[in-house]
PDB file of N, CA and C in Angstrom:
ATOM      1  N   UNK A   1       3.297  -5.579  12.681  1.00  0.00           N
ATOM      2  CA  UNK A   1       2.086  -6.024  12.034  1.00  0.00           C
ATOM      3  C   UNK A   1       2.446  -6.507  10.627  1.00  0.00           C
ATOM      4  N   UNK A   2       1.797  -7.569  10.208  1.00  0.00           N
ATOM      5  CA  UNK A   2       2.017  -8.111   8.869  1.00  0.00           C
ATOM      6  C   UNK A   2       0.947  -7.592   7.907  1.00  0.00           C
ATOM      7  N   UNK A   3       1.166  -7.847   6.634  1.00  0.00           N
ATOM      8  CA  UNK A   3       0.187  -7.451   5.629  1.00  0.00           C
ATOM      9  C   UNK A   3      -1.157  -8.132   5.889  1.00  0.00           C
ATOM     10  N   UNK A   4      -1.145  -9.402   6.227  1.00  0.00           N
ATOM     11  CA  UNK A   4      -2.407 -10.103   6.486  1.00  0.00           C
ATOM     12  C   UNK A   4      -3.096  -9.556   7.736  1.00  0.00           C
ATOM     13  N   UNK A   5      -2.328  -9.178   8.744  1.00  0.00           N
ATOM     14  CA  UNK A   5      -2.918  -8.564   9.942  1.00  0.00           C
ATOM     15  C   UNK A   5      -3.508  -7.196   9.611  1.00  0.00           C
ATOM     16  N   UNK A   6      -2.844  -6.448   8.741  1.00  0.00           N
ATOM     17  CA  UNK A   6      -3.371  -5.161   8.299  1.00  0.00           C
ATOM     18  C   UNK A   6      -4.743  -5.354   7.668  1.00  0.00           C
ATOM     19  N   UNK A   7      -4.847  -6.328   6.799  1.00  0.00           N
ATOM     20  CA  UNK A   7      -6.127  -6.599   6.133  1.00  0.00           C
ATOM     21  C   UNK A   7      -7.206  -6.958   7.145  1.00  0.00           C
ATOM     22  N   UNK A   8      -6.865  -7.797   8.097  1.00  0.00           N
ATOM     23  CA  UNK A   8      -7.847  -8.262   9.074  1.00  0.00           C
ATOM     24  C   UNK A   8      -8.258  -7.171  10.063  1.00  0.00           C
ATOM     25  N   UNK A   9      -7.322  -6.323  10.448  1.00  0.00           N
ATOM     26  CA  UNK A   9      -7.577  -5.357  11.516  1.00  0.00           C
ATOM     27  C   UNK A   9      -8.120  -4.015  11.037  1.00  0.00           C
ATOM     28  N   UNK A  10      -7.971  -3.689   9.766  1.00  0.00           N
ATOM     29  CA  UNK A  10      -8.420  -2.390   9.286  1.00  0.00           C
ATOM     30  C   UNK A  10      -9.742  -2.438   8.537  1.00  0.00           C
ATOM     31  N   UNK A  11     -10.046  -3.577   7.953  1.00  0.00           N
ATOM     32  CA  UNK A  11     -11.237  -3.654   7.116  1.00  0.00           C
ATOM     33  C   UNK A  11     -11.046  -3.017   5.753  1.00  0.00           C
ATOM     34  N   UNK A  12      -9.797  -2.655   5.411  1.00  0.00           N
ATOM     35  CA  UNK A  12      -9.523  -2.112   4.083  1.00  0.00           C
ATOM     36  C   UNK A  12      -9.874  -3.165   3.045  1.00  0.00           C
ATOM     37  N   UNK A  13     -10.398  -2.734   1.915  1.00  0.00           N
ATOM     38  CA  UNK A  13     -10.750  -3.643   0.833  1.00  0.00           C
ATOM     39  C   UNK A  13      -9.482  -4.176   0.181  1.00  0.00           C
ATOM     40  N   UNK A  14      -9.403  -5.483   0.041  1.00  0.00           N
ATOM     41  CA  UNK A  14      -8.247  -6.112  -0.601  1.00  0.00           C
ATOM     42  C   UNK A  14      -8.487  -6.139  -2.108  1.00  0.00           C
ATOM     43  N   UNK A  15      -7.596  -5.480  -2.859  1.00  0.00           N
ATOM     44  CA  UNK A  15      -7.685  -5.489  -4.317  1.00  0.00           C
ATOM     45  C   UNK A  15      -6.729  -6.516  -4.906  1.00  0.00           C
ATOM     46  N   UNK A  16      -5.576  -6.673  -4.275  1.00  0.00           N
ATOM     47  CA  UNK A  16      -4.582  -7.672  -4.666  1.00  0.00           C
ATOM     48  C   UNK A  16      -3.938  -8.185  -3.389  1.00  0.00           C
ATOM     49  N   UNK A  17      -3.937  -9.496  -3.204  1.00  0.00           N
ATOM     50  CA  UNK A  17      -3.433 -10.082  -1.961  1.00  0.00           C
ATOM     51  C   UNK A  17      -1.913 -10.037  -1.847  1.00  0.00           C
ATOM     52  N   UNK A  18      -1.235  -9.951  -2.967  1.00  0.00           N
ATOM     53  CA  UNK A  18       0.220  -9.998  -2.917  1.00  0.00           C
ATOM     54  C   UNK A  18       0.692 -11.422  -2.690  1.00  0.00           C
ATOM     55  N   UNK A  19       2.000 -11.608  -2.711  1.00  0.00           N
ATOM     56  CA  UNK A  19       2.522 -12.969  -2.560  1.00  0.00           C
ATOM     57  C   UNK A  19       3.208 -13.210  -1.228  1.00  0.00           C
ATOM     58  N   UNK A  20       3.267 -12.200  -0.358  1.00  0.00           N
ATOM     59  CA  UNK A  20       3.964 -12.348   0.919  1.00  0.00           C
ATOM     60  C   UNK A  20       3.135 -11.759   2.060  1.00  0.00           C
ATOM     61  N   UNK A  21       2.022 -12.426   2.425  1.00  0.00           N
ATOM     62  CA  UNK A  21       1.140 -11.874   3.468  1.00  0.00           C
ATOM     63  C   UNK A  21       1.788 -11.783   4.848  1.00  0.00           C
ATOM     64  N   UNK A  22       2.903 -12.474   5.047  1.00  0.00           N
ATOM     65  CA  UNK A  22       3.580 -12.430   6.343  1.00  0.00           C
ATOM     66  C   UNK A  22       4.663 -11.355   6.410  1.00  0.00           C
ATOM     67  N   UNK A  23       4.752 -10.516   5.369  1.00  0.00           N
ATOM     68  CA  UNK A  23       5.710  -9.418   5.377  1.00  0.00           C
ATOM     69  C   UNK A  23       5.393  -8.470   6.523  1.00  0.00           C
ATOM     70  N   UNK A  24       6.397  -8.138   7.318  1.00  0.00           N
ATOM     71  CA  UNK A  24       6.234  -7.195   8.419  1.00  0.00           C
ATOM     72  C   UNK A  24       6.231  -5.770   7.871  1.00  0.00           C
ATOM     73  N   UNK A  25       5.271  -4.979   8.309  1.00  0.00           N
ATOM     74  CA  UNK A  25       5.199  -3.567   7.924  1.00  0.00           C
ATOM     75  C   UNK A  25       6.058  -2.781   8.907  1.00  0.00           C
ATOM     76  N   UNK A  26       7.033  -2.049   8.357  1.00  0.00           N
ATOM     77  CA  UNK A  26       7.991  -1.348   9.211  1.00  0.00           C
ATOM     78  C   UNK A  26       7.620   0.108   9.469  1.00  0.00           C
ATOM     79  N   UNK A  27       6.651   0.629   8.754  1.00  0.00           N
ATOM     80  CA  UNK A  27       6.254   2.024   8.919  1.00  0.00           C
ATOM     81  C   UNK A  27       5.250   2.409   7.857  1.00  0.00           C
ATOM     82  N   UNK A  28       4.880   3.684   7.855  1.00  0.00           N
ATOM     83  CA  UNK A  28       3.893   4.193   6.909  1.00  0.00           C
ATOM     84  C   UNK A  28       4.511   5.365   6.167  1.00  0.00           C
ATOM     85  N   UNK A  29       4.274   5.424   4.858  1.00  0.00           N
ATOM     86  CA  UNK A  29       4.765   6.523   4.037  1.00  0.00           C
ATOM     87  C   UNK A  29       3.600   7.067   3.233  1.00  0.00           C
ATOM     88  N   UNK A  30       3.446   8.385   3.207  1.00  0.00           N
ATOM     89  CA  UNK A  30       2.365   9.035   2.466  1.00  0.00           C
ATOM     90  C   UNK A  30       2.951   9.985   1.439  1.00  0.00           C
ATOM     91  N   UNK A  31       2.617   9.771   0.180  1.00  0.00           N
ATOM     92  CA  UNK A  31       3.088  10.664  -0.871  1.00  0.00           C
ATOM     93  C   UNK A  31       2.411  10.271  -2.181  1.00  0.00           C
ATOM     94  N   UNK A  32       2.183  11.275  -3.040  1.00  0.00           N
ATOM     95  CA  UNK A  32       1.595  11.024  -4.348  1.00  0.00           C
ATOM     96  C   UNK A  32       2.535  11.382  -5.488  1.00  0.00           C
ATOM     97  N   UNK A  33       3.696  11.896  -5.184  1.00  0.00           N
ATOM     98  CA  UNK A  33       4.665  12.252  -6.214  1.00  0.00           C
ATOM     99  C   UNK A  33       5.641  11.087  -6.369  1.00  0.00           C
ATOM    100  N   UNK A  34       5.551  10.390  -7.486  1.00  0.00           N
ATOM    101  CA  UNK A  34       6.287   9.143  -7.649  1.00  0.00           C
ATOM    102  C   UNK A  34       7.794   9.318  -7.551  1.00  0.00           C
ATOM    103  N   UNK A  35       8.336  10.412  -8.027  1.00  0.00           N
ATOM    104  CA  UNK A  35       9.782  10.623  -7.936  1.00  0.00           C
ATOM    105  C   UNK A  35      10.228  10.763  -6.486  1.00  0.00           C
ATOM    106  N   UNK A  36       9.410  11.366  -5.654  1.00  0.00           N
ATOM    107  CA  UNK A  36       9.727  11.466  -4.227  1.00  0.00           C
ATOM    108  C   UNK A  36       9.618  10.088  -3.582  1.00  0.00           C
ATOM    109  N   UNK A  37       8.610   9.346  -3.954  1.00  0.00           N
ATOM    110  CA  UNK A  37       8.449   7.986  -3.414  1.00  0.00           C
ATOM    111  C   UNK A  37       9.655   7.113  -3.749  1.00  0.00           C
ATOM    112  N   UNK A  38      10.155   7.231  -4.964  1.00  0.00           N
ATOM    113  CA  UNK A  38      11.291   6.399  -5.371  1.00  0.00           C
ATOM    114  C   UNK A  38      12.525   6.676  -4.524  1.00  0.00           C
ATOM    115  N   UNK A  39      12.652   7.881  -4.004  1.00  0.00           N
ATOM    116  CA  UNK A  39      13.846   8.197  -3.219  1.00  0.00           C
ATOM    117  C   UNK A  39      13.629   8.170  -1.712  1.00  0.00           C
ATOM    118  N   UNK A  40      12.370   8.113  -1.254  1.00  0.00           N
ATOM    119  CA  UNK A  40      12.124   8.177   0.192  1.00  0.00           C
ATOM    120  C   UNK A  40      11.293   7.027   0.774  1.00  0.00           C
ATOM    121  N   UNK A  41      10.595   6.299  -0.055  1.00  0.00           N
ATOM    122  CA  UNK A  41       9.777   5.178   0.426  1.00  0.00           C
ATOM    123  C   UNK A  41      10.700   4.027   0.807  1.00  0.00           C
ATOM    124  N   UNK A  42      10.656   3.629   2.064  1.00  0.00           N
ATOM    125  CA  UNK A  42      11.537   2.571   2.558  1.00  0.00           C
ATOM    126  C   UNK A  42      10.940   1.185   2.320  1.00  0.00           C
ATOM    127  N   UNK A  43      11.821   0.228   2.184  1.00  0.00           N
ATOM    128  CA  UNK A  43      11.389  -1.164   2.063  1.00  0.00           C
ATOM    129  C   UNK A  43      10.524  -1.520   3.266  1.00  0.00           C
ATOM    130  N   UNK A  44       9.489  -2.286   3.016  1.00  0.00           N
ATOM    131  CA  UNK A  44       8.550  -2.780   4.026  1.00  0.00           C
ATOM    132  C   UNK A  44       7.626  -1.702   4.589  1.00  0.00           C
ATOM    133  N   UNK A  45       7.626  -0.500   4.003  1.00  0.00           N
ATOM    134  CA  UNK A  45       6.649   0.518   4.401  1.00  0.00           C
ATOM    135  C   UNK A  45       5.313   0.234   3.753  1.00  0.00           C
ATOM    136  N   UNK A  46       4.241   0.582   4.449  1.00  0.00           N
ATOM    137  CA  UNK A  46       2.913   0.631   3.854  1.00  0.00           C
ATOM    138  C   UNK A  46       2.805   2.007   3.203  1.00  0.00           C
ATOM    139  N   UNK A  47       2.515   2.049   1.919  1.00  0.00           N
ATOM    140  CA  UNK A  47       2.477   3.287   1.161  1.00  0.00           C
ATOM    141  C   UNK A  47       1.027   3.712   0.951  1.00  0.00           C
ATOM    142  N   UNK A  48       0.658   4.863   1.504  1.00  0.00           N
ATOM    143  CA  UNK A  48      -0.694   5.396   1.367  1.00  0.00           C
ATOM    144  C   UNK A  48      -0.664   6.484   0.307  1.00  0.00           C
ATOM    145  N   UNK A  49      -1.528   6.347  -0.706  1.00  0.00           N
ATOM    146  CA  UNK A  49      -1.503   7.245  -1.858  1.00  0.00           C
ATOM    147  C   UNK A  49      -2.874   7.290  -2.526  1.00  0.00           C
ATOM    148  N   UNK A  50      -2.989   8.160  -3.520  1.00  0.00           N
ATOM    149  CA  UNK A  50      -4.160   8.167  -4.398  1.00  0.00           C
ATOM    150  C   UNK A  50      -3.750   7.862  -5.832  1.00  0.00           C
ATOM    151  N   UNK A  51      -2.574   7.304  -5.989  1.00  0.00           N
ATOM    152  CA  UNK A  51      -2.062   6.944  -7.316  1.00  0.00           C
ATOM    153  C   UNK A  51      -2.435   5.488  -7.614  1.00  0.00           C
ATOM    154  N   UNK A  52      -3.480   5.286  -8.387  1.00  0.00           N
ATOM    155  CA  UNK A  52      -3.967   3.942  -8.663  1.00  0.00           C
ATOM    156  C   UNK A  52      -3.645   3.464 -10.061  1.00  0.00           C
ATOM    157  N   UNK A  53      -2.414   3.688 -10.494  1.00  0.00           N
ATOM    158  CA  UNK A  53      -2.045   3.278 -11.850  1.00  0.00           C
ATOM    159  C   UNK A  53      -0.829   2.356 -11.848  1.00  0.00           C
ATOM    160  N   UNK A  54      -0.465   1.885 -13.024  1.00  0.00           N
ATOM    161  CA  UNK A  54       0.613   0.913 -13.155  1.00  0.00           C
ATOM    162  C   UNK A  54       1.950   1.494 -12.687  1.00  0.00           C
ATOM    163  N   UNK A  55       2.132   2.810 -12.791  1.00  0.00           N
ATOM    164  CA  UNK A  55       3.378   3.419 -12.316  1.00  0.00           C
ATOM    165  C   UNK A  55       3.534   3.292 -10.808  1.00  0.00           C
ATOM    166  N   UNK A  56       2.425   3.371 -10.080  1.00  0.00           N
ATOM    167  CA  UNK A  56       2.480   3.200  -8.632  1.00  0.00           C
ATOM    168  C   UNK A  56       2.912   1.774  -8.280  1.00  0.00           C
ATOM    169  N   UNK A  57       2.418   0.817  -9.015  1.00  0.00           N
ATOM    170  CA  UNK A  57       2.821  -0.575  -8.775  1.00  0.00           C
ATOM    171  C   UNK A  57       4.312  -0.735  -9.056  1.00  0.00           C
ATOM    172  N   UNK A  58       4.796  -0.113 -10.118  1.00  0.00           N
ATOM    173  CA  UNK A  58       6.221  -0.186 -10.443  1.00  0.00           C
ATOM    174  C   UNK A  58       7.076   0.416  -9.336  1.00  0.00           C
ATOM    175  N   UNK A  59       6.637   1.532  -8.780  1.00  0.00           N
ATOM    176  CA  UNK A  59       7.389   2.159  -7.678  1.00  0.00           C
ATOM    177  C   UNK A  59       7.363   1.260  -6.445  1.00  0.00           C
ATOM    178  N   UNK A  60       6.236   0.632  -6.164  1.00  0.00           N
ATOM    179  CA  UNK A  60       6.158  -0.276  -5.018  1.00  0.00           C
ATOM    180  C   UNK A  60       7.132  -1.436  -5.182  1.00  0.00           C
ATOM    181  N   UNK A  61       7.243  -1.965  -6.384  1.00  0.00           N
ATOM    182  CA  UNK A  61       8.182  -3.055  -6.654  1.00  0.00           C
ATOM    183  C   UNK A  61       9.614  -2.555  -6.501  1.00  0.00           C
ATOM    184  N   UNK A  62       9.911  -1.425  -7.102  1.00  0.00           N
ATOM    185  CA  UNK A  62      11.260  -0.850  -7.062  1.00  0.00           C
ATOM    186  C   UNK A  62      11.729  -0.585  -5.638  1.00  0.00           C
ATOM    187  N   UNK A  63      10.839  -0.061  -4.807  1.00  0.00           N
ATOM    188  CA  UNK A  63      11.213   0.319  -3.433  1.00  0.00           C
ATOM    189  C   UNK A  63      11.018  -0.816  -2.429  1.00  0.00           C
ATOM    190  N   UNK A  64      10.419  -1.906  -2.881  1.00  0.00           N
ATOM    191  CA  UNK A  64      10.110  -3.048  -2.023  1.00  0.00           C
ATOM    192  C   UNK A  64       9.147  -2.669  -0.894  1.00  0.00           C
ATOM    193  N   UNK A  65       8.176  -1.820  -1.232  1.00  0.00           N
ATOM    194  CA  UNK A  65       7.143  -1.443  -0.270  1.00  0.00           C
ATOM    195  C   UNK A  65       6.381  -2.689   0.167  1.00  0.00           C
ATOM    196  N   UNK A  66       5.907  -2.692   1.398  1.00  0.00           N
ATOM    197  CA  UNK A  66       5.133  -3.829   1.893  1.00  0.00           C
ATOM    198  C   UNK A  66       3.807  -3.944   1.154  1.00  0.00           C
ATOM    199  N   UNK A  67       3.176  -2.790   0.895  1.00  0.00           N
ATOM    200  CA  UNK A  67       1.877  -2.781   0.230  1.00  0.00           C
ATOM    201  C   UNK A  67       1.533  -1.353  -0.174  1.00  0.00           C
ATOM    202  N   UNK A  68       0.505  -1.241  -0.981  1.00  0.00           N
ATOM    203  CA  UNK A  68      -0.062   0.047  -1.365  1.00  0.00           C
ATOM    204  C   UNK A  68      -1.450   0.125  -0.753  1.00  0.00           C
ATOM    205  N   UNK A  69      -1.766   1.262  -0.146  1.00  0.00           N
ATOM    206  CA  UNK A  69      -3.118   1.519   0.328  1.00  0.00           C
ATOM    207  C   UNK A  69      -3.641   2.711  -0.451  1.00  0.00           C
ATOM    208  N   UNK A  70      -4.685   2.504  -1.229  1.00  0.00           N
ATOM    209  CA  UNK A  70      -5.307   3.578  -1.983  1.00  0.00           C
ATOM    210  C   UNK A  70      -6.343   4.253  -1.099  1.00  0.00           C
ATOM    211  N   UNK A  71      -6.114   5.511  -0.783  1.00  0.00           N
ATOM    212  CA  UNK A  71      -7.014   6.272   0.082  1.00  0.00           C
ATOM    213  C   UNK A  71      -8.133   6.909  -0.736  1.00  0.00           C
ATOM    214  N   UNK A  72      -9.145   7.388  -0.036  1.00  0.00           N
ATOM    215  CA  UNK A  72     -10.253   8.143  -0.623  1.00  0.00           C
ATOM    216  C   UNK A  72     -10.979   7.374  -1.725  1.00  0.00           C
ATOM    217  N   UNK A  73     -11.038   6.047  -1.551  1.00  0.00           N
ATOM    218  CA  UNK A  73     -11.711   5.159  -2.511  1.00  0.00           C
ATOM    219  C   UNK A  73     -11.171   5.297  -3.927  1.00  0.00           C
ATOM    220  N   UNK A  74      -9.896   5.602  -4.036  1.00  0.00           N
ATOM    221  CA  UNK A  74      -9.264   5.723  -5.347  1.00  0.00           C
ATOM    222  C   UNK A  74      -9.316   4.378  -6.057  1.00  0.00           C
ATOM    223  N   UNK A  75      -9.762   4.372  -7.300  1.00  0.00           N
ATOM    224  CA  UNK A  75      -9.790   3.098  -8.032  1.00  0.00           C
ATOM    225  C   UNK A  75      -8.391   2.677  -8.481  1.00  0.00           C
ATOM    226  N   UNK A  76      -8.205   1.395  -8.623  1.00  0.00           N
ATOM    227  CA  UNK A  76      -6.996   0.825  -9.206  1.00  0.00           C
ATOM    228  C   UNK A  76      -7.365   0.422 -10.626  1.00  0.00           C
ATOM    229  N   UNK A  77      -6.706   1.029 -11.609  1.00  0.00           N
ATOM    230  CA  UNK A  77      -7.102   0.717 -12.981  1.00  0.00           C
ATOM    231  C   UNK A  77      -6.751  -0.737 -13.330  1.00  0.00           C
ATOM    232  N   UNK A  78      -7.376  -1.247 -14.383  1.00  0.00           N
ATOM    233  CA  UNK A  78      -7.244  -2.658 -14.747  1.00  0.00           C
ATOM    234  C   UNK A  78      -5.800  -3.076 -15.019  1.00  0.00           C
ATOM    235  N   UNK A  79      -5.056  -2.223 -15.712  1.00  0.00           N
ATOM    236  CA  UNK A  79      -3.655  -2.548 -16.012  1.00  0.00           C
ATOM    237  C   UNK A  79      -2.839  -2.623 -14.730  1.00  0.00           C
ATOM    238  N   UNK A  80      -3.119  -1.732 -13.798  1.00  0.00           N
ATOM    239  CA  UNK A  80      -2.392  -1.732 -12.520  1.00  0.00           C
ATOM    240  C   UNK A  80      -2.755  -2.960 -11.692  1.00  0.00           C
ATOM    241  N   UNK A  81      -4.025  -3.345 -11.687  1.00  0.00           N
ATOM    242  CA  UNK A  81      -4.433  -4.539 -10.949  1.00  0.00           C
ATOM    243  C   UNK A  81      -3.744  -5.777 -11.508  1.00  0.00           C
ATOM    244  N   UNK A  82      -3.724  -5.891 -12.813  1.00  0.00           N
ATOM    245  CA  UNK A  82      -3.061  -7.037 -13.442  1.00  0.00           C
ATOM    246  C   UNK A  82      -1.569  -7.053 -13.103  1.00  0.00           C
ATOM    247  N   UNK A  83      -0.924  -5.898 -13.172  1.00  0.00           N
ATOM    248  CA  UNK A  83       0.509  -5.806 -12.865  1.00  0.00           C
ATOM    249  C   UNK A  83       0.764  -6.101 -11.379  1.00  0.00           C
ATOM    250  N   UNK A  84      -0.087  -5.634 -10.493  1.00  0.00           N
ATOM    251  CA  UNK A  84       0.071  -5.921  -9.062  1.00  0.00           C
ATOM    252  C   UNK A  84      -0.002  -7.420  -8.806  1.00  0.00           C
ATOM    253  N   UNK A  85      -0.930  -8.084  -9.453  1.00  0.00           N
ATOM    254  CA  UNK A  85      -1.056  -9.534  -9.286  1.00  0.00           C
ATOM    255  C   UNK A  85       0.158 -10.257  -9.874  1.00  0.00           C
ATOM    256  N   UNK A  86       0.629  -9.815 -11.034  1.00  0.00           N
ATOM    257  CA  UNK A  86       1.814 -10.426 -11.650  1.00  0.00           C
ATOM    258  C   UNK A  86       3.059 -10.242 -10.785  1.00  0.00           C
ATOM    259  N   UNK A  87       3.194  -9.071 -10.188  1.00  0.00           N
ATOM    260  CA  UNK A  87       4.391  -8.735  -9.405  1.00  0.00           C
ATOM    261  C   UNK A  87       4.259  -9.112  -7.922  1.00  0.00           C
ATOM    262  N   UNK A  88       3.101  -9.596  -7.510  1.00  0.00           N
ATOM    263  CA  UNK A  88       2.901 -10.011  -6.123  1.00  0.00           C
ATOM    264  C   UNK A  88       2.791  -8.863  -5.143  1.00  0.00           C
ATOM    265  N   UNK A  89       2.263  -7.719  -5.603  1.00  0.00           N
ATOM    266  CA  UNK A  89       2.128  -6.538  -4.757  1.00  0.00           C
ATOM    267  C   UNK A  89       0.747  -6.526  -4.099  1.00  0.00           C
ATOM    268  N   UNK A  90       0.716  -6.400  -2.780  1.00  0.00           N
ATOM    269  CA  UNK A  90      -0.544  -6.281  -2.057  1.00  0.00           C
ATOM    270  C   UNK A  90      -1.067  -4.857  -2.206  1.00  0.00           C
ATOM    271  N   UNK A  91      -2.351  -4.748  -2.567  1.00  0.00           N
ATOM    272  CA  UNK A  91      -2.979  -3.437  -2.747  1.00  0.00           C
ATOM    273  C   UNK A  91      -4.319  -3.444  -2.015  1.00  0.00           C
ATOM    274  N   UNK A  92      -4.533  -2.401  -1.231  1.00  0.00           N
ATOM    275  CA  UNK A  92      -5.775  -2.226  -0.482  1.00  0.00           C
ATOM    276  C   UNK A  92      -6.422  -0.907  -0.890  1.00  0.00           C
ATOM    277  N   UNK A  93      -7.715  -0.775  -0.561  1.00  0.00           N
ATOM    278  CA  UNK A  93      -8.421   0.489  -0.780  1.00  0.00           C
ATOM    279  C   UNK A  93      -9.245   0.804   0.461  1.00  0.00           C
ATOM    280  N   UNK A  94      -9.303   2.103   0.778  1.00  0.00           N
ATOM    281  CA  UNK A  94     -10.112   2.574   1.890  1.00  0.00           C
ATOM    282  C   UNK A  94     -10.775   3.889   1.526  1.00  0.00           C
ATOM    283  N   UNK A  95     -11.877   4.171   2.160  1.00  0.00           N
ATOM    284  CA  UNK A  95     -12.552   5.454   1.944  1.00  0.00           C
ATOM    285  C   UNK A  95     -11.903   6.566   2.757  1.00  0.00           C
ATOM    286  N   UNK A  96     -11.041   6.211   3.690  1.00  0.00           N
ATOM    287  CA  UNK A  96     -10.398   7.210   4.542  1.00  0.00           C
ATOM    288  C   UNK A  96      -9.486   8.134   3.736  1.00  0.00           C
ATOM    289  N   UNK A  97      -9.368   9.399   4.158  1.00  0.00           N
ATOM    290  CA  UNK A  97      -8.363  10.277   3.562  1.00  0.00           C
ATOM    291  C   UNK A  97      -6.958   9.737   3.871  1.00  0.00           C
ATOM    292  N   UNK A  98      -5.969  10.202   3.131  1.00  0.00           N
ATOM    293  CA  UNK A  98      -4.603   9.704   3.279  1.00  0.00           C
ATOM    294  C   UNK A  98      -4.131   9.783   4.727  1.00  0.00           C
ATOM    295  N   UNK A  99      -4.253  10.938   5.348  1.00  0.00           N
ATOM    296  CA  UNK A  99      -3.749  11.122   6.712  1.00  0.00           C
ATOM    297  C   UNK A  99      -4.448  10.190   7.691  1.00  0.00           C
ATOM    298  N   UNK A 100      -5.760  10.064   7.584  1.00  0.00           N
ATOM    299  CA  UNK A 100      -6.514   9.202   8.496  1.00  0.00           C
ATOM    300  C   UNK A 100      -6.147   7.728   8.289  1.00  0.00           C
ATOM    301  N   UNK A 101      -5.950   7.327   7.048  1.00  0.00           N
ATOM    302  CA  UNK A 101      -5.535   5.942   6.778  1.00  0.00           C
ATOM    303  C   UNK A 101      -4.168   5.670   7.388  1.00  0.00           C
ATOM    304  N   UNK A 102      -3.258   6.623   7.234  1.00  0.00           N
ATOM    305  CA  UNK A 102      -1.922   6.458   7.799  1.00  0.00           C
ATOM    306  C   UNK A 102      -1.954   6.387   9.324  1.00  0.00           C
ATOM    307  N   UNK A 103      -2.768   7.229   9.942  1.00  0.00           N
ATOM    308  CA  UNK A 103      -2.905   7.191  11.401  1.00  0.00           C
ATOM    309  C   UNK A 103      -3.442   5.835  11.860  1.00  0.00           C
ATOM    310  N   UNK A 104      -4.407   5.332  11.128  1.00  0.00           N
ATOM    311  CA  UNK A 104      -4.996   4.024  11.495  1.00  0.00           C
ATOM    312  C   UNK A 104      -3.942   2.921  11.429  1.00  0.00           C
ATOM    313  N   UNK A 105      -3.173   2.892  10.361  1.00  0.00           N
ATOM    314  CA  UNK A 105      -2.125   1.881  10.215  1.00  0.00           C
ATOM    315  C   UNK A 105      -1.086   2.044  11.307  1.00  0.00           C
ATOM    316  N   UNK A 106      -0.659   3.254  11.536  1.00  0.00           N
ATOM    317  CA  UNK A 106       0.367   3.527  12.544  1.00  0.00           C
ATOM    318  C   UNK A 106      -0.106   3.118  13.941  1.00  0.00           C
ATOM    319  N   UNK A 107      -1.369   3.371  14.253  1.00  0.00           N
ATOM    320  CA  UNK A 107      -1.873   3.017  15.582  1.00  0.00           C
ATOM    321  C   UNK A 107      -1.881   1.505  15.797  1.00  0.00           C
ATOM    322  N   UNK A 108      -2.078   0.746  14.724  1.00  0.00           N
ATOM    323  CA  UNK A 108      -2.061  -0.714  14.833  1.00  0.00           C
ATOM    324  C   UNK A 108      -0.639  -1.261  14.835  1.00  0.00           C
ATOM    325  N   UNK A 109       0.291  -0.497  14.307  1.00  0.00           N
ATOM    326  CA  UNK A 109       1.671  -0.947  14.163  1.00  0.00           C
ATOM    327  C   UNK A 109       2.547  -0.502  15.333  1.00  0.00           C
ATOM    328  N   UNK A 110       1.975   0.239  16.271  1.00  0.00           N
ATOM    329  CA  UNK A 110       2.730   0.709  17.419  1.00  0.00           C
ATOM    330  C   UNK A 110       2.571  -0.277  18.575  1.00  0.00           C
ATOM    331  N   UNK A 111       3.699  -0.736  19.130  1.00  0.00           N
ATOM    332  CA  UNK A 111       3.608  -1.722  20.222  1.00  0.00           C
ATOM    333  C   UNK A 111       2.976  -1.148  21.473  1.00  0.00           C
TER     334      UNK A 111
END
């Protein structure tokens, strides 16, 4: 599944479209501790978190995450939104809890 397919199939709110909508999502990673994310988040993973700040965008860039999904209607602060747009990071928001959002993504990404 690509980032654009994720947007179309989940109904998650698009906060930042990113610059590579055809990026293939290779898996789902759930974590809110940025130091753990930096060492375990794989490239092309969809990252589900409640961290809606500029540091989360920096970690997504560093790890080459496919996108960030903010669970539980977590807001993305203005500085983070601006940085996501500058860095081409796709960011979504959903009202679902982290685990439920991850299950939804995984169910769509399973052949």
